[in-house]
C-alpha atoms as a PDB file:
ATOM      1  CA  MET A   1     159.212 161.312  99.781  1.00  0.00           C
ATOM      2  CA  GLY A   2     161.031 161.071 103.044  1.00  0.00           C
ATOM      3  CA  PRO A   3     161.449 160.053 105.772  1.00  0.00           C
ATOM      4  CA  TRP A   4     163.693 163.123 105.885  1.00  0.00           C
ATOM      5  CA  ILE A   5     165.220 165.763 103.640  1.00  0.00           C
ATOM      6  CA  GLU A   6     169.009 165.647 103.383  1.00  0.00           C
ATOM      7  CA  THR A   7     170.647 169.055 103.158  1.00  0.00           C
ATOM      8  CA  GLU A   8     174.315 168.024 103.412  1.00  0.00           C
ATOM      9  CA  ALA A   9     174.586 165.533 100.527  1.00  0.00           C
ATOM     10  CA  ASN A  10     176.785 166.479  97.575  1.00  0.00           C
ATOM     11  CA  PRO A  11     174.499 166.194  94.523  1.00  0.00           C
ATOM     12  CA  MET A  12     177.494 165.821  92.188  1.00  0.00           C
ATOM     13  CA  GLU A  13     179.130 162.900  94.037  1.00  0.00           C
ATOM     14  CA  ALA A  14     176.295 160.585  95.078  1.00  0.00           C
ATOM     15  CA  GLU A  15     175.663 157.191  93.529  1.00  0.00           C
ATOM     16  CA  THR A  16     172.087 156.193  92.633  1.00  0.00           C
ATOM     17  CA  ARG A  17     170.916 152.578  92.451  1.00  0.00           C
ATOM     18  CA  VAL A  18     167.587 151.481  91.008  1.00  0.00           C
ATOM     19  CA  THR A  19     166.291 147.965  91.685  1.00  0.00           C
ATOM     20  CA  ILE A  20     163.098 146.114  90.819  1.00  0.00           C
ATOM     21  CA  ASN A  21     162.299 143.287  93.238  1.00  0.00           C
ATOM     22  CA  GLY A  22     165.879 143.431  94.489  1.00  0.00           C
ATOM     23  CA  VAL A  23     167.450 143.086  91.012  1.00  0.00           C
ATOM     24  CA  GLU A  24     169.683 146.021  90.122  1.00  0.00           C
ATOM     25  CA  LYS A  25     168.511 147.719  86.918  1.00  0.00           C
ATOM     26  CA  SER A  26     170.556 150.905  86.977  1.00  0.00           C
ATOM     27  CA  ARG A  27     173.543 152.360  88.842  1.00  0.00           C
ATOM     28  CA  PHE A  28     175.043 155.750  88.103  1.00  0.00           C
ATOM     29  CA  ARG A  29     176.872 158.637  89.705  1.00  0.00           C
ATOM     30  CA  THR A  30     174.802 161.788  89.830  1.00  0.00           C
ATOM     31  CA  GLY A  31     177.762 163.739  88.456  1.00  0.00           C
ATOM     32  CA  ASP A  32     177.600 161.586  85.288  1.00  0.00           C
ATOM     33  CA  MET A  33     173.976 162.400  84.454  1.00  0.00           C
ATOM     34  CA  ILE A  34     173.317 164.140  81.113  1.00  0.00           C
ATOM     35  CA  PHE A  35     172.007 167.177  82.997  1.00  0.00           C
ATOM     36  CA  SER A  36     173.603 167.677  86.400  1.00  0.00           C
ATOM     37  CA  ALA A  37     171.492 168.629  89.397  1.00  0.00           C
ATOM     38  CA  VAL A  38     173.091 172.077  89.306  1.00  0.00           C
ATOM     39  CA  ASP A  39     172.325 172.509  85.568  1.00  0.00           C
ATOM     40  CA  PHE A  40     168.741 171.406  86.207  1.00  0.00           C
ATOM     41  CA  ILE A  41     168.289 173.965  88.996  1.00  0.00           C
ATOM     42  CA  VAL A  42     169.787 176.719  86.833  1.00  0.00           C
ATOM     43  CA  GLU A  43     167.526 175.846  83.898  1.00  0.00           C
ATOM     44  CA  ILE A  44     164.292 175.548  85.883  1.00  0.00           C
ATOM     45  CA  SER A  45     165.106 178.799  87.691  1.00  0.00           C
ATOM     46  CA  ARG A  46     164.813 180.559  84.337  1.00  0.00           C
ATOM     47  CA  TYR A  47     161.060 179.814  84.426  1.00  0.00           C
ATOM     48  CA  ILE A  48     160.094 179.723  88.104  1.00  0.00           C
ATOM     49  CA  THR A  49     161.338 181.240  91.327  1.00  0.00           C
ATOM     50  CA  MET A  50     162.546 178.547  93.683  1.00  0.00           C
ATOM     51  CA  GLN A  51     161.422 178.917  97.289  1.00  0.00           C
ATOM     52  CA  PRO A  52     162.771 177.308 100.473  1.00  0.00           C
ATOM     53  CA  GLY A  53     161.178 173.893 100.788  1.00  0.00           C
ATOM     54  CA  ASP A  54     160.721 173.372  97.025  1.00  0.00           C
ATOM     55  CA  VAL A  55     161.581 169.869  95.848  1.00  0.00           C
ATOM     56  CA  LEU A  56     162.859 168.957  92.386  1.00  0.00           C
ATOM     57  CA  TRP A  57     162.658 165.358  91.207  1.00  0.00           C
ATOM     58  CA  LEU A  58     165.196 164.085  88.696  1.00  0.00           C
ATOM     59  CA  GLY A  59     164.540 160.795  86.922  1.00  0.00           C
ATOM     60  CA  THR A  60     166.516 158.003  85.346  1.00  0.00           C
ATOM     61  CA  ASP A  61     166.699 156.819  81.767  1.00  0.00           C
ATOM     62  CA  GLY A  62     164.308 153.945  82.405  1.00  0.00           C
ATOM     63  CA  VAL A  63     164.723 150.538  83.943  1.00  0.00           C
ATOM     64  CA  GLY A  64     162.546 148.290  81.778  1.00  0.00           C
ATOM     65  CA  ALA A  65     159.102 146.806  82.135  1.00  0.00           C
ATOM     66  CA  MET A  66     157.355 146.508  85.486  1.00  0.00           C
ATOM     67  CA  ALA A  67     154.537 144.203  86.520  1.00  0.00           C
ATOM     68  CA  ASP A  68     151.731 144.628  89.032  1.00  0.00           C
ATOM     69  CA  GLY A  69     153.156 144.350  92.538  1.00  0.00           C
ATOM     70  CA  ASP A  70     156.811 144.868  91.591  1.00  0.00           C
ATOM     71  CA  VAL A  71     158.725 146.858  94.194  1.00  0.00           C
ATOM     72  CA  ILE A  72     160.903 149.656  92.838  1.00  0.00           C
ATOM     73  CA  ASP A  73     163.712 150.871  95.105  1.00  0.00           C
ATOM     74  CA  ILE A  74     165.679 154.066  94.503  1.00  0.00           C
ATOM     75  CA  GLU A  75     168.708 154.428  96.773  1.00  0.00           C
ATOM     76  CA  ILE A  76     171.032 157.440  96.773  1.00  0.00           C
ATOM     77  CA  ASP A  77     174.262 157.570  98.785  1.00  0.00           C
ATOM     78  CA  GLY A  78     173.973 159.945 101.703  1.00  0.00           C
ATOM     79  CA  VAL A  79     170.227 160.372 101.201  1.00  0.00           C
ATOM     80  CA  GLY A  80     168.515 157.023 101.763  1.00  0.00           C
ATOM     81  CA  LYS A  81     166.221 154.559 100.044  1.00  0.00           C
ATOM     82  CA  LEU A  82     162.678 155.029  98.756  1.00  0.00           C
ATOM     83  CA  SER A  83     160.586 151.930  97.972  1.00  0.00           C
ATOM     84  CA  ASN A  84     157.310 151.914  96.039  1.00  0.00           C
ATOM     85  CA  PRO A  85     155.118 149.102  94.698  1.00  0.00           C
ATOM     86  CA  SER A  86     153.823 149.308  91.138  1.00  0.00           C
ATOM     87  CA  SER A  87     150.130 148.831  90.455  1.00  0.00           C
ATOM     88  CA  VAL A  88     148.443 147.870  87.192  1.00  0.00           C
ATOM     89  CA  LYS A  89     145.097 149.298  88.326  1.00  0.00           C
ATOM     90  CA  PHE A  90     146.553 152.826  88.113  1.00  0.00           C
ATOM     91  CA  CYS A  91     147.899 152.195  84.584  1.00  0.00           C
ATOM     92  CA  ARG A  92     144.665 150.871  83.079  1.00  0.00           C
ATOM     93  CA  SER A  93     143.032 154.289  82.995  1.00  0.00           C
ATOM     94  CA  TRP A  94     145.992 155.988  81.288  1.00  0.00           C
ATOM     95  CA  PRO A  95     146.077 156.660  77.556  1.00  0.00           C
ATOM     96  CA  ARG A  96     147.691 153.803  75.618  1.00  0.00           C
ATOM     97  CA  GLU A  97     150.784 155.834  74.681  1.00  0.00           C
ATOM     98  CA  ARG A  98     151.626 156.346  78.372  1.00  0.00           C
ATOM     99  CA  GLN A  99     151.447 152.648  79.265  1.00  0.00           C
ATOM    100  CA  THR A 100     154.899 151.868  77.846  1.00  0.00           C
ATOM    101  CA  SER A 101     156.693 153.432  80.811  1.00  0.00           C
ATOM    102  CA  PHE A 102     155.913 154.063  84.454  1.00  0.00           C
ATOM    103  CA  HIS A 103     154.310 157.384  85.345  1.00  0.00           C
ATOM    104  CA  PRO A 104     152.643 158.123  88.689  1.00  0.00           C
ATOM    105  CA  PRO A 105     148.871 158.596  88.559  1.00  0.00           C
ATOM    106  CA  ARG A 106     147.537 162.133  88.765  1.00  0.00           C
ATOM    107  CA  GLU A 107     145.149 161.185  91.556  1.00  0.00           C
ATOM    108  CA  PHE A 108     145.284 158.340  94.032  1.00  0.00           C
ATOM    109  CA  PRO A 109     142.083 156.491  94.941  1.00  0.00           C
ATOM    110  CA  ASP A 110     140.839 156.664  98.518  1.00  0.00           C
ATOM    111  CA  HIS A 111     141.909 153.683 100.628  1.00  0.00           C
END
């Protein structure tokens, strides 16, 4: 996450782009998501009390298969771009049913 937190972006008007190795896989307006950011905050607030500094992550509907070393970029208008490489070594220890889509590992190995 980072390199900064944007507090002035309009979560209903931003456009999100998802690319793998520079190839666009998904593009959508945040206001067109099935559950808007506002709806998500309202719903989660039914179960937990949000505190200043809390961060909520919203996902996408999937972008297809990824291979070891692929670079996934998520770019949101007015917020910035986040780039992450995929790694097969993290996936190998996951249960088989979780290997069909990308999920971050619960613990990262020491580097």
